[in-house]
Amino acid sequence: SMSERIEEADMTADEIAAYKAGYD
C-alpha cells in the first residue's frame, strides 16, 4: 500500500502462480 500496485493484467504467469500458492 505504499508503493506501486501491480494488477493481474500486468503480472507474469509465475507471479500469478505465486499469488495463487499464497492464497491456497
PDB file of all heavy atoms in Angstrom:
ATOM      1  N   SER A   1       0.792  -1.234   0.000  1.00  0.00           N
ATOM      2  CA  SER A   1       0.000   0.000   0.000  1.00  0.00           C
ATOM      3  C   SER A   1       0.823   1.282   0.000  1.00  0.00           C
ATOM      4  O   SER A   1       0.265   2.370   0.037  1.00  0.00           O
ATOM      5  CB  SER A   1      -0.974   0.016   1.186  1.00  0.00           C
ATOM      6  OG  SER A   1      -1.863  -1.073   1.097  1.00  0.00           O
ATOM      7  N   MET A   2       2.134   1.171  -0.053  1.00  0.00           N
ATOM      8  CA  MET A   2       2.989   2.366  -0.062  1.00  0.00           C
ATOM      9  C   MET A   2       3.855   2.431  -1.311  1.00  0.00           C
ATOM     10  O   MET A   2       4.740   3.264  -1.408  1.00  0.00           O
ATOM     11  CB  MET A   2       3.862   2.389   1.196  1.00  0.00           C
ATOM     12  CG  MET A   2       3.032   2.373   2.470  1.00  0.00           C
ATOM     13  SD  MET A   2       4.014   2.635   3.920  1.00  0.00           S
ATOM     14  CE  MET A   2       4.054   4.422   3.923  1.00  0.00           C
ATOM     15  N   SER A   3       3.604   1.519  -2.232  1.00  0.00           N
ATOM     16  CA  SER A   3       4.356   1.515  -3.490  1.00  0.00           C
ATOM     17  C   SER A   3       3.395   1.137  -4.617  1.00  0.00           C
ATOM     18  O   SER A   3       2.220   0.873  -4.382  1.00  0.00           O
ATOM     19  CB  SER A   3       5.519   0.524  -3.402  1.00  0.00           C
ATOM     20  OG  SER A   3       5.039  -0.797  -3.250  1.00  0.00           O
ATOM     21  N   GLU A   4       3.910   1.113  -5.812  1.00  0.00           N
ATOM     22  CA  GLU A   4       3.074   0.821  -6.982  1.00  0.00           C
ATOM     23  C   GLU A   4       2.426  -0.558  -6.864  1.00  0.00           C
ATOM     24  O   GLU A   4       3.086  -1.544  -6.538  1.00  0.00           O
ATOM     25  CB  GLU A   4       3.927   0.880  -8.245  1.00  0.00           C
ATOM     26  CG  GLU A   4       3.152   0.600  -9.503  1.00  0.00           C
ATOM     27  CD  GLU A   4       4.019   0.579 -10.751  1.00  0.00           C
ATOM     28  OE1 GLU A   4       5.255   0.747 -10.645  1.00  0.00           O
ATOM     29  OE2 GLU A   4       3.445   0.406 -11.836  1.00  0.00           O
ATOM     30  N   ARG A   5       1.129  -0.615  -7.116  1.00  0.00           N
ATOM     31  CA  ARG A   5       0.384  -1.872  -7.108  1.00  0.00           C
ATOM     32  C   ARG A   5       0.337  -2.405  -8.534  1.00  0.00           C
ATOM     33  O   ARG A   5      -0.022  -1.685  -9.468  1.00  0.00           O
ATOM     34  CB  ARG A   5      -1.030  -1.642  -6.580  1.00  0.00           C
ATOM     35  CG  ARG A   5      -1.879  -2.896  -6.565  1.00  0.00           C
ATOM     36  CD  ARG A   5      -3.244  -2.601  -5.967  1.00  0.00           C
ATOM     37  NE  ARG A   5      -4.185  -3.662  -6.266  1.00  0.00           N
ATOM     38  CZ  ARG A   5      -4.956  -4.252  -5.367  1.00  0.00           C
ATOM     39  NH1 ARG A   5      -4.916  -3.865  -4.106  1.00  0.00           N
ATOM     40  NH2 ARG A   5      -5.785  -5.206  -5.713  1.00  0.00           N
ATOM     41  N   ILE A   6       0.697  -3.666  -8.690  1.00  0.00           N
ATOM     42  CA  ILE A   6       0.675  -4.329  -9.986  1.00  0.00           C
ATOM     43  C   ILE A   6      -0.546  -5.241 -10.034  1.00  0.00           C
ATOM     44  O   ILE A   6      -0.724  -6.096  -9.167  1.00  0.00           O
ATOM     45  CB  ILE A   6       1.963  -5.160 -10.212  1.00  0.00           C
ATOM     46  CG1 ILE A   6       3.224  -4.302 -10.014  1.00  0.00           C
ATOM     47  CG2 ILE A   6       1.929  -5.844 -11.574  1.00  0.00           C
ATOM     48  CD1 ILE A   6       3.351  -3.132 -10.967  1.00  0.00           C
ATOM     49  N   GLU A   7      -1.389  -5.042 -11.037  1.00  0.00           N
ATOM     50  CA  GLU A   7      -2.619  -5.825 -11.184  1.00  0.00           C
ATOM     51  C   GLU A   7      -2.369  -7.064 -12.043  1.00  0.00           C
ATOM     52  O   GLU A   7      -1.372  -7.164 -12.756  1.00  0.00           O
ATOM     53  CB  GLU A   7      -3.717  -4.954 -11.802  1.00  0.00           C
ATOM     54  CG  GLU A   7      -4.059  -3.723 -11.008  1.00  0.00           C
ATOM     55  CD  GLU A   7      -4.684  -3.998  -9.642  1.00  0.00           C
ATOM     56  OE1 GLU A   7      -5.214  -5.107  -9.408  1.00  0.00           O
ATOM     57  OE2 GLU A   7      -4.647  -3.081  -8.797  1.00  0.00           O
ATOM     58  N   GLU A   8      -3.310  -7.986 -11.987  1.00  0.00           N
ATOM     59  CA  GLU A   8      -3.180  -9.271 -12.680  1.00  0.00           C
ATOM     60  C   GLU A   8      -2.829  -9.112 -14.162  1.00  0.00           C
ATOM     61  O   GLU A   8      -2.008  -9.865 -14.689  1.00  0.00           O
ATOM     62  CB  GLU A   8      -4.464 -10.073 -12.534  1.00  0.00           C
ATOM     63  CG  GLU A   8      -4.389 -11.444 -13.170  1.00  0.00           C
ATOM     64  CD  GLU A   8      -5.623 -12.285 -12.925  1.00  0.00           C
ATOM     65  OE1 GLU A   8      -6.650 -11.743 -12.471  1.00  0.00           O
ATOM     66  OE2 GLU A   8      -5.553 -13.496 -13.186  1.00  0.00           O
ATOM     67  N   ALA A   9      -3.423  -8.155 -14.834  1.00  0.00           N
ATOM     68  CA  ALA A   9      -3.170  -7.961 -16.267  1.00  0.00           C
ATOM     69  C   ALA A   9      -1.705  -7.682 -16.572  1.00  0.00           C
ATOM     70  O   ALA A   9      -1.235  -7.952 -17.684  1.00  0.00           O
ATOM     71  CB  ALA A   9      -4.033  -6.823 -16.800  1.00  0.00           C
ATOM     72  N   ASP A  10      -0.979  -7.172 -15.585  1.00  0.00           N
ATOM     73  CA  ASP A  10       0.433  -6.845 -15.771  1.00  0.00           C
ATOM     74  C   ASP A  10       1.372  -7.813 -15.065  1.00  0.00           C
ATOM     75  O   ASP A  10       2.582  -7.564 -14.999  1.00  0.00           O
ATOM     76  CB  ASP A  10       0.695  -5.418 -15.274  1.00  0.00           C
ATOM     77  CG  ASP A  10      -0.088  -4.397 -16.085  1.00  0.00           C
ATOM     78  OD1 ASP A  10      -0.115  -4.521 -17.327  1.00  0.00           O
ATOM     79  OD2 ASP A  10      -0.696  -3.499 -15.474  1.00  0.00           O
ATOM     80  N   MET A  11       0.834  -8.909 -14.561  1.00  0.00           N
ATOM     81  CA  MET A  11       1.648  -9.906 -13.862  1.00  0.00           C
ATOM     82  C   MET A  11       2.077 -11.016 -14.819  1.00  0.00           C
ATOM     83  O   MET A  11       1.367 -11.337 -15.765  1.00  0.00           O
ATOM     84  CB  MET A  11       0.850 -10.513 -12.689  1.00  0.00           C
ATOM     85  CG  MET A  11       0.578  -9.530 -11.579  1.00  0.00           C
ATOM     86  SD  MET A  11      -0.570 -10.166 -10.318  1.00  0.00           S
ATOM     87  CE  MET A  11       0.409 -11.445  -9.535  1.00  0.00           C
ATOM     88  N   THR A  12       3.228 -11.611 -14.518  1.00  0.00           N
ATOM     89  CA  THR A  12       3.682 -12.769 -15.289  1.00  0.00           C
ATOM     90  C   THR A  12       2.955 -14.020 -14.790  1.00  0.00           C
ATOM     91  O   THR A  12       2.349 -14.008 -13.700  1.00  0.00           O
ATOM     92  CB  THR A  12       5.195 -12.983 -15.116  1.00  0.00           C
ATOM     93  OG1 THR A  12       5.458 -13.352 -13.756  1.00  0.00           O
ATOM     94  CG2 THR A  12       5.994 -11.731 -15.499  1.00  0.00           C
ATOM     95  N   ALA A  13       3.055 -15.079 -15.552  1.00  0.00           N
ATOM     96  CA  ALA A  13       2.449 -16.354 -15.143  1.00  0.00           C
ATOM     97  C   ALA A  13       3.049 -16.826 -13.811  1.00  0.00           C
ATOM     98  O   ALA A  13       2.330 -17.344 -12.951  1.00  0.00           O
ATOM     99  CB  ALA A  13       2.644 -17.406 -16.224  1.00  0.00           C
ATOM    100  N   ASP A  14       4.344 -16.630 -13.610  1.00  0.00           N
ATOM    101  CA  ASP A  14       4.988 -17.029 -12.349  1.00  0.00           C
ATOM    102  C   ASP A  14       4.487 -16.199 -11.174  1.00  0.00           C
ATOM    103  O   ASP A  14       4.312 -16.714 -10.072  1.00  0.00           O
ATOM    104  CB  ASP A  14       6.512 -16.910 -12.449  1.00  0.00           C
ATOM    105  CG  ASP A  14       7.133 -18.003 -13.319  1.00  0.00           C
ATOM    106  OD1 ASP A  14       6.458 -19.027 -13.591  1.00  0.00           O
ATOM    107  OD2 ASP A  14       8.301 -17.834 -13.713  1.00  0.00           O
ATOM    108  N   GLU A  15       4.264 -14.914 -11.385  1.00  0.00           N
ATOM    109  CA  GLU A  15       3.746 -14.059 -10.316  1.00  0.00           C
ATOM    110  C   GLU A  15       2.319 -14.454  -9.938  1.00  0.00           C
ATOM    111  O   GLU A  15       1.971 -14.499  -8.757  1.00  0.00           O
ATOM    112  CB  GLU A  15       3.811 -12.592 -10.735  1.00  0.00           C
ATOM    113  CG  GLU A  15       5.230 -12.072 -10.817  1.00  0.00           C
ATOM    114  CD  GLU A  15       5.358 -10.748 -11.547  1.00  0.00           C
ATOM    115  OE1 GLU A  15       4.447 -10.357 -12.317  1.00  0.00           O
ATOM    116  OE2 GLU A  15       6.404 -10.085 -11.353  1.00  0.00           O
ATOM    117  N   ILE A  16       1.512 -14.779 -10.937  1.00  0.00           N
ATOM    118  CA  ILE A  16       0.145 -15.225 -10.659  1.00  0.00           C
ATOM    119  C   ILE A  16       0.167 -16.561  -9.920  1.00  0.00           C
ATOM    120  O   ILE A  16      -0.592 -16.772  -8.977  1.00  0.00           O
ATOM    121  CB  ILE A  16      -0.679 -15.302 -11.965  1.00  0.00           C
ATOM    122  CG1 ILE A  16      -0.870 -13.887 -12.532  1.00  0.00           C
ATOM    123  CG2 ILE A  16      -2.027 -15.980 -11.721  1.00  0.00           C
ATOM    124  CD1 ILE A  16      -1.424 -13.847 -13.942  1.00  0.00           C
ATOM    125  N   ALA A  17       1.067 -17.446 -10.314  1.00  0.00           N
ATOM    126  CA  ALA A  17       1.200 -18.739  -9.627  1.00  0.00           C
ATOM    127  C   ALA A  17       1.617 -18.537  -8.174  1.00  0.00           C
ATOM    128  O   ALA A  17       1.135 -19.245  -7.281  1.00  0.00           O
ATOM    129  CB  ALA A  17       2.208 -19.622 -10.354  1.00  0.00           C
ATOM    130  N   ALA A  18       2.493 -17.572  -7.906  1.00  0.00           N
ATOM    131  CA  ALA A  18       2.918 -17.287  -6.533  1.00  0.00           C
ATOM    132  C   ALA A  18       1.750 -16.744  -5.714  1.00  0.00           C
ATOM    133  O   ALA A  18       1.557 -17.133  -4.555  1.00  0.00           O
ATOM    134  CB  ALA A  18       4.085 -16.298  -6.528  1.00  0.00           C
ATOM    135  N   TYR A  19       0.964 -15.849  -6.287  1.00  0.00           N
ATOM    136  CA  TYR A  19      -0.224 -15.329  -5.598  1.00  0.00           C
ATOM    137  C   TYR A  19      -1.173 -16.485  -5.268  1.00  0.00           C
ATOM    138  O   TYR A  19      -1.650 -16.616  -4.143  1.00  0.00           O
ATOM    139  CB  TYR A  19      -0.942 -14.291  -6.470  1.00  0.00           C
ATOM    140  CG  TYR A  19      -2.214 -13.771  -5.848  1.00  0.00           C
ATOM    141  CD1 TYR A  19      -2.214 -12.614  -5.092  1.00  0.00           C
ATOM    142  CD2 TYR A  19      -3.418 -14.459  -5.998  1.00  0.00           C
ATOM    143  CE1 TYR A  19      -3.390 -12.144  -4.497  1.00  0.00           C
ATOM    144  CE2 TYR A  19      -4.587 -14.006  -5.413  1.00  0.00           C
ATOM    145  CZ  TYR A  19      -4.568 -12.852  -4.659  1.00  0.00           C
ATOM    146  OH  TYR A  19      -5.725 -12.401  -4.058  1.00  0.00           O
ATOM    147  N   LYS A  20      -1.442 -17.343  -6.251  1.00  0.00           N
ATOM    148  CA  LYS A  20      -2.346 -18.483  -6.051  1.00  0.00           C
ATOM    149  C   LYS A  20      -1.822 -19.413  -4.965  1.00  0.00           C
ATOM    150  O   LYS A  20      -2.582 -19.891  -4.120  1.00  0.00           O
ATOM    151  CB  LYS A  20      -2.552 -19.245  -7.354  1.00  0.00           C
ATOM    152  CG  LYS A  20      -3.536 -20.400  -7.222  1.00  0.00           C
ATOM    153  CD  LYS A  20      -3.738 -21.109  -8.532  1.00  0.00           C
ATOM    154  CE  LYS A  20      -4.797 -22.201  -8.480  1.00  0.00           C
ATOM    155  NZ  LYS A  20      -4.875 -23.009  -7.312  1.00  0.00           N
ATOM    156  N   ALA A  21      -0.522 -19.670  -4.963  1.00  0.00           N
ATOM    157  CA  ALA A  21       0.066 -20.543  -3.946  1.00  0.00           C
ATOM    158  C   ALA A  21      -0.113 -19.938  -2.556  1.00  0.00           C
ATOM    159  O   ALA A  21      -0.467 -20.640  -1.603  1.00  0.00           O
ATOM    160  CB  ALA A  21       1.549 -20.774  -4.234  1.00  0.00           C
ATOM    161  N   GLY A  22       0.112 -18.645  -2.413  1.00  0.00           N
ATOM    162  CA  GLY A  22      -0.095 -17.979  -1.127  1.00  0.00           C
ATOM    163  C   GLY A  22      -1.545 -18.049  -0.695  1.00  0.00           C
ATOM    164  O   GLY A  22      -1.856 -18.316   0.472  1.00  0.00           O
ATOM    165  N   TYR A  23      -2.446 -17.842  -1.620  1.00  0.00           N
ATOM    166  CA  TYR A  23      -3.877 -17.888  -1.342  1.00  0.00           C
ATOM    167  C   TYR A  23      -4.290 -19.298  -0.919  1.00  0.00           C
ATOM    168  O   TYR A  23      -4.955 -19.492   0.093  1.00  0.00           O
ATOM    169  CB  TYR A  23      -4.640 -17.458  -2.595  1.00  0.00           C
ATOM    170  CG  TYR A  23      -6.079 -17.073  -2.360  1.00  0.00           C
ATOM    171  CD1 TYR A  23      -6.420 -15.765  -2.043  1.00  0.00           C
ATOM    172  CD2 TYR A  23      -7.103 -18.002  -2.489  1.00  0.00           C
ATOM    173  CE1 TYR A  23      -7.735 -15.389  -1.860  1.00  0.00           C
ATOM    174  CE2 TYR A  23      -8.424 -17.638  -2.308  1.00  0.00           C
ATOM    175  CZ  TYR A  23      -8.742 -16.328  -1.982  1.00  0.00           C
ATOM    176  OH  TYR A  23     -10.047 -15.969  -1.802  1.00  0.00           O
ATOM    177  N   ASP A  24      -3.845 -20.296  -1.675  1.00  0.00           N
ATOM    178  CA  ASP A  24      -4.207 -21.683  -1.388  1.00  0.00           C
ATOM    179  C   ASP A  24      -3.562 -22.193  -0.110  1.00  0.00           C
ATOM    180  O   ASP A  24      -4.195 -22.907   0.665  1.00  0.00           O
ATOM    181  CB  ASP A  24      -3.815 -22.596  -2.550  1.00  0.00           C
ATOM    182  CG  ASP A  24      -4.652 -22.357  -3.802  1.00  0.00           C
ATOM    183  OD1 ASP A  24      -5.695 -21.664  -3.714  1.00  0.00           O
ATOM    184  OD2 ASP A  24      -4.243 -22.847  -4.865  1.00  0.00           O
TER     185      ASP A  24
END
